[in-house]
Amino acid sequence: MTTELVNSLRLLLVSSPLGALGSGSGGGVELTLRNIATELVRRGHSITIVATQGSTSWGMPLVEIAGSPQISAQTQGRDAPTIIPASSVLANFWDYVRKVQSDFDLVVNFAYDWLPFYLTPFLKIPVAHVVSMGSLTAAMDEIIERVAIEFPGTIGVHSLAQAATFPFANCCRYLGNGIDLSVYDFCAKPSPWLGWVGRIAPEKGLEDAVAACQLTGIPLKIMGFLQYKDYWQQILQDYPTAPIEYKGFLSTAE
């Protein structure tokens, strides 16, 4: 038996409540979860993913849960209250966690939402939190800091710059955010155009890339989930001569 198997853990990975895995609604969190889950399986751990009904799990065990999606914190103001919609999929996620917690050694939360942090002290097993964004609301700062102080070492972030947006930066663990190079092909002689990959949403700043292409004349191919159609149409109106092409929401293989 290998060392990895001797130290094997039973891990419950709880996804973002913004939408189904594979839909693009969860943005980069979807790829982060996939990469972390893939590596944990490679190291010999047992993985179960909890996600919204209709999700894909890339061949790993999946529990699909129905419910209303959560409102993204990125669309809220600094002083926005904490809101949980009726029939909340987020609440349903964590009700499931409560029921099955004795079957696992650790829960890993990927949601940037108030409820998982608030519930952390009430669970009987430890919860690790992968925090995917910087400081956005006062309510989130407060609840994450409370968990960081009460449960040291359980708050993971992707960079020093991200951590620096919080008043508790010294309590965060830096995880980085790697990619699986085996699923990408290196191109030594690229075509004479630029690529933009990401959700088409105001917080991503796509208009800056389009403006640069209009100024330079360098073509830009845009790939990503078209989340805000009005925002996209506004970009097309504001930069009518920009050499851009929308390719759609594509899989990694595509």
Protein backbone atom coordinates (compact mmCIF):
# COMPACT_ATOMS: atom_id res chain seq x y z
CA MET A 1 0.00 0.00 0.00
CA THR A 2 1.38 3.42 -0.95
CA THR A 3 1.82 6.34 1.44
CA GLU A 4 -0.84 8.25 -0.48
CA LEU A 5 -3.42 5.51 0.11
CA VAL A 6 -2.49 5.18 3.79
CA ASN A 7 -3.24 8.89 4.23
CA SER A 8 -6.31 8.83 1.99
CA LEU A 9 -9.10 11.19 3.06
CA ARG A 10 -12.82 11.16 2.30
CA LEU A 11 -13.47 14.64 0.93
CA LEU A 12 -16.77 16.37 0.18
CA LEU A 13 -16.32 19.23 -2.31
CA VAL A 14 -19.23 21.69 -2.29
CA SER A 15 -19.53 23.76 -5.45
CA SER A 16 -20.65 27.33 -6.11
CA PRO A 17 -24.45 27.85 -5.99
CA LEU A 18 -24.47 30.18 -9.01
CA GLY A 19 -25.29 27.43 -11.51
CA ALA A 20 -24.56 23.92 -12.70
CA LEU A 21 -20.95 22.80 -13.13
CA GLY A 22 -20.15 22.96 -16.82
CA SER A 23 -22.69 25.71 -17.54
CA GLY A 24 -20.20 28.56 -17.19
CA SER A 25 -22.35 30.36 -14.62
CA GLY A 26 -19.80 29.70 -11.89
CA GLY A 27 -16.96 31.19 -13.90
CA GLY A 28 -13.41 30.22 -12.99
CA VAL A 29 -14.55 28.46 -9.82
CA GLU A 30 -15.74 25.59 -12.02
CA LEU A 31 -12.26 25.02 -13.45
CA THR A 32 -10.64 25.52 -10.04
CA LEU A 33 -12.87 22.84 -8.53
CA ARG A 34 -12.16 20.48 -11.41
CA ASN A 35 -8.39 20.93 -11.18
CA ILE A 36 -8.30 20.52 -7.40
CA ALA A 37 -10.58 17.47 -7.51
CA THR A 38 -8.51 15.84 -10.27
CA GLU A 39 -5.27 16.32 -8.35
CA LEU A 40 -6.76 15.08 -5.08
CA VAL A 41 -7.96 11.90 -6.80
CA ARG A 42 -4.50 11.44 -8.32
CA ARG A 43 -3.06 11.61 -4.81
CA GLY A 44 -5.33 8.79 -3.67
CA HIS A 45 -8.11 10.66 -1.90
CA SER A 46 -11.81 9.81 -2.17
CA ILE A 47 -13.82 12.65 -3.70
CA THR A 48 -17.54 13.43 -3.83
CA ILE A 49 -18.76 16.65 -5.47
CA VAL A 50 -21.97 18.42 -4.43
CA ALA A 51 -23.34 20.70 -7.16
CA THR A 52 -26.48 22.12 -8.73
CA GLN A 53 -28.78 19.76 -10.61
CA GLY A 54 -27.67 19.38 -14.22
CA SER A 55 -23.95 19.54 -13.42
CA THR A 56 -21.13 17.57 -14.96
CA SER A 57 -18.46 16.05 -12.71
CA TRP A 58 -15.85 14.84 -15.23
CA GLY A 59 -16.28 11.21 -14.20
CA MET A 60 -16.08 11.82 -10.44
CA PRO A 61 -18.86 10.96 -7.94
CA LEU A 62 -21.52 13.67 -8.04
CA VAL A 63 -24.51 14.56 -5.87
CA GLU A 64 -26.90 16.83 -7.77
CA ILE A 65 -29.14 19.10 -5.72
CA ALA A 66 -32.05 21.20 -6.95
CA GLY A 67 -32.86 24.75 -5.90
CA SER A 68 -32.77 28.42 -6.81
CA PRO A 69 -29.34 29.86 -7.69
CA GLN A 70 -27.67 32.39 -5.43
CA ILE A 71 -27.18 36.02 -6.47
CA SER A 72 -23.51 36.65 -7.29
CA ALA A 73 -21.67 38.77 -4.74
CA GLN A 74 -19.93 40.52 -7.64
CA THR A 75 -23.18 42.25 -8.55
CA GLN A 76 -23.80 43.57 -5.02
CA GLY A 77 -22.82 46.84 -3.38
CA ARG A 78 -20.39 47.14 -0.48
CA ASP A 79 -23.16 47.37 2.12
CA ALA A 80 -25.47 44.79 0.54
CA PRO A 81 -27.38 42.60 3.02
CA THR A 82 -27.07 38.83 3.03
CA ILE A 83 -29.93 37.38 0.98
CA ILE A 84 -30.94 33.73 0.63
CA PRO A 85 -33.68 33.15 -1.98
CA ALA A 86 -36.66 30.85 -1.53
CA SER A 87 -35.86 27.18 -2.26
CA SER A 88 -32.18 28.12 -2.12
CA VAL A 89 -29.80 25.62 -3.69
CA LEU A 90 -27.09 26.96 -1.36
CA ALA A 91 -29.21 26.14 1.70
CA ASN A 92 -30.00 22.73 0.20
CA PHE A 93 -26.28 22.06 -0.36
CA TRP A 94 -25.48 22.63 3.28
CA ASP A 95 -28.50 20.76 4.57
CA TYR A 96 -27.12 17.78 2.65
CA VAL A 97 -23.66 18.38 4.14
CA ARG A 98 -25.19 18.33 7.63
CA LYS A 99 -26.88 15.00 6.95
CA VAL A 100 -23.86 13.16 5.51
CA GLN A 101 -20.97 14.80 7.39
CA SER A 102 -20.20 11.64 9.37
CA ASP A 103 -19.28 9.90 6.08
CA PHE A 104 -16.41 12.33 5.38
CA ASP A 105 -13.18 13.60 6.92
CA LEU A 106 -13.32 17.12 5.50
CA VAL A 107 -15.66 19.46 3.62
CA VAL A 108 -14.18 21.87 1.07
CA ASN A 109 -16.35 24.90 0.31
CA PHE A 110 -15.95 26.66 -3.05
CA ALA A 111 -18.79 29.18 -2.60
CA TYR A 112 -18.13 32.86 -1.96
CA ASP A 113 -21.31 33.12 0.12
CA TRP A 114 -22.14 33.95 3.72
CA LEU A 115 -23.99 30.76 4.70
CA PRO A 116 -21.15 28.18 4.47
CA PHE A 117 -18.91 30.34 6.66
CA TYR A 118 -21.66 30.94 9.19
CA LEU A 119 -22.43 27.20 9.43
CA THR A 120 -18.78 26.14 9.85
CA PRO A 121 -18.79 26.14 13.71
CA PHE A 122 -22.00 24.09 13.81
CA LEU A 123 -20.64 21.11 11.85
CA LYS A 124 -18.90 18.20 13.53
CA ILE A 125 -16.16 17.88 10.90
CA PRO A 126 -13.72 20.55 9.67
CA VAL A 127 -14.50 22.81 6.72
CA ALA A 128 -11.85 24.32 4.44
CA HIS A 129 -12.86 27.33 2.35
CA VAL A 130 -11.42 28.20 -1.07
CA VAL A 131 -12.07 31.96 -1.34
CA SER A 132 -12.12 32.85 -5.02
CA MET A 133 -12.52 36.64 -4.86
CA GLY A 134 -11.20 39.63 -2.97
CA SER A 135 -13.13 41.81 -0.57
CA LEU A 136 -16.57 42.66 -1.98
CA THR A 137 -19.02 43.26 0.86
CA ALA A 138 -18.76 44.15 4.53
CA ALA A 139 -20.89 41.15 5.51
CA MET A 140 -18.59 38.70 3.71
CA ASP A 141 -15.44 40.29 5.16
CA GLU A 142 -16.87 39.96 8.65
CA ILE A 143 -17.94 36.32 8.41
CA ILE A 144 -14.74 35.15 6.65
CA GLU A 145 -12.62 36.90 9.27
CA ARG A 146 -14.59 35.24 12.06
CA VAL A 147 -13.88 31.80 10.58
CA ALA A 148 -10.23 32.66 9.89
CA ILE A 149 -9.69 33.56 13.55
CA GLU A 150 -11.70 30.71 15.08
CA PHE A 151 -10.38 28.05 12.67
CA PRO A 152 -6.80 29.02 11.70
CA GLY A 153 -5.48 27.68 8.42
CA THR A 154 -8.89 27.00 6.86
CA ILE A 155 -9.12 30.04 4.54
CA GLY A 156 -7.41 29.55 1.18
CA VAL A 157 -6.83 32.29 -1.41
CA HIS A 158 -5.14 32.36 -4.80
CA SER A 159 -2.71 35.27 -4.42
CA LEU A 160 -1.10 37.76 -2.06
CA ALA A 161 -2.84 40.59 -3.92
CA GLN A 162 -6.23 38.97 -3.34
CA ALA A 163 -5.51 38.43 0.36
CA ALA A 164 -4.38 42.06 0.72
CA THR A 165 -7.93 43.24 -0.01
CA PHE A 166 -9.03 41.71 3.31
CA PRO A 167 -8.22 43.09 6.79
CA PHE A 168 -7.23 39.54 7.84
CA ALA A 169 -4.70 38.87 5.05
CA ASN A 170 -2.19 37.32 7.46
CA CYS A 171 -4.75 34.61 8.32
CA CYS A 172 -5.03 33.35 4.73
CA ARG A 173 -3.21 30.43 3.12
CA TYR A 174 -1.96 30.93 -0.45
CA LEU A 175 -3.01 28.07 -2.70
CA GLY A 176 -2.07 29.41 -6.10
CA ASN A 177 -4.29 28.38 -9.00
CA GLY A 178 -2.58 25.97 -11.36
CA ILE A 179 -3.84 24.42 -14.57
CA ASP A 180 -3.51 20.91 -15.96
CA LEU A 181 -0.95 21.35 -18.74
CA SER A 182 -1.69 17.87 -20.10
CA VAL A 183 -4.99 19.06 -21.61
CA TYR A 184 -3.45 21.97 -23.55
CA ASP A 185 -1.29 21.98 -26.69
CA PHE A 186 1.68 24.33 -27.01
CA CYS A 187 1.66 26.42 -30.18
CA ALA A 188 5.16 27.57 -31.16
CA LYS A 189 3.86 29.58 -34.14
CA PRO A 190 0.66 31.34 -33.07
CA SER A 191 -1.78 32.96 -35.45
CA PRO A 192 -1.76 36.80 -35.66
CA TRP A 193 -4.69 37.35 -33.31
CA LEU A 194 -5.38 37.63 -29.59
CA GLY A 195 -7.65 35.46 -27.46
CA TRP A 196 -9.90 36.48 -24.58
CA VAL A 197 -11.30 33.74 -22.32
CA GLY A 198 -13.83 34.41 -19.57
CA ARG A 199 -17.44 35.11 -18.69
CA ILE A 200 -18.90 38.04 -20.60
CA ALA A 201 -19.85 40.13 -17.59
CA PRO A 202 -19.13 43.75 -16.55
CA GLU A 203 -16.74 42.79 -13.74
CA LYS A 204 -14.44 41.09 -16.27
CA GLY A 205 -13.69 44.29 -18.18
CA LEU A 206 -13.99 42.89 -21.69
CA GLU A 207 -14.54 46.40 -23.05
CA ASP A 208 -10.90 47.26 -22.27
CA ALA A 209 -9.64 44.43 -24.47
CA VAL A 210 -12.04 45.38 -27.26
CA ALA A 211 -10.97 49.04 -27.05
CA ALA A 212 -7.32 48.01 -27.36
CA CYS A 213 -8.11 45.93 -30.44
CA GLN A 214 -9.98 48.80 -32.05
CA LEU A 215 -6.96 51.06 -31.47
CA THR A 216 -4.33 48.58 -32.69
CA GLY A 217 -6.28 46.72 -35.35
CA ILE A 218 -5.22 43.37 -33.89
CA PRO A 219 -8.07 40.83 -34.19
CA LEU A 220 -9.53 39.47 -30.95
CA LYS A 221 -11.34 36.14 -30.64
CA ILE A 222 -13.63 36.04 -27.61
CA MET A 223 -14.54 32.76 -25.90
CA GLY A 224 -16.73 32.44 -22.83
CA PHE A 225 -20.17 32.16 -21.32
CA LEU A 226 -22.34 35.06 -22.51
CA GLN A 227 -23.84 35.90 -19.13
CA TYR A 228 -24.99 39.48 -19.76
CA LYS A 229 -26.36 39.98 -23.27
CA ASP A 230 -27.11 43.70 -22.75
CA TYR A 231 -23.49 44.27 -21.71
CA TRP A 232 -22.27 42.47 -24.83
CA GLN A 233 -24.55 44.51 -27.09
CA GLN A 234 -23.28 47.73 -25.48
CA ILE A 235 -19.70 46.74 -26.28
CA LEU A 236 -20.65 46.12 -29.91
CA GLN A 237 -22.26 49.57 -30.10
CA ASP A 238 -19.37 51.37 -28.38
CA TYR A 239 -16.64 49.77 -30.54
CA PRO A 240 -18.25 49.23 -33.96
CA THR A 241 -14.97 48.93 -35.88
CA ALA A 242 -13.15 46.63 -33.46
CA PRO A 243 -11.94 43.44 -35.22
CA ILE A 244 -13.58 41.02 -32.79
CA GLU A 245 -15.24 37.64 -33.18
CA TYR A 246 -17.31 35.81 -30.57
CA LYS A 247 -16.62 32.06 -30.76
CA GLY A 248 -19.07 30.94 -28.06
CA PHE A 249 -18.72 29.06 -24.79
CA LEU A 250 -16.27 26.28 -25.57
CA SER A 251 -14.93 23.26 -23.74
CA THR A 252 -11.20 22.98 -23.03
CA ALA A 253 -10.84 20.44 -25.86
CA GLU A 254 -12.43 22.87 -28.32
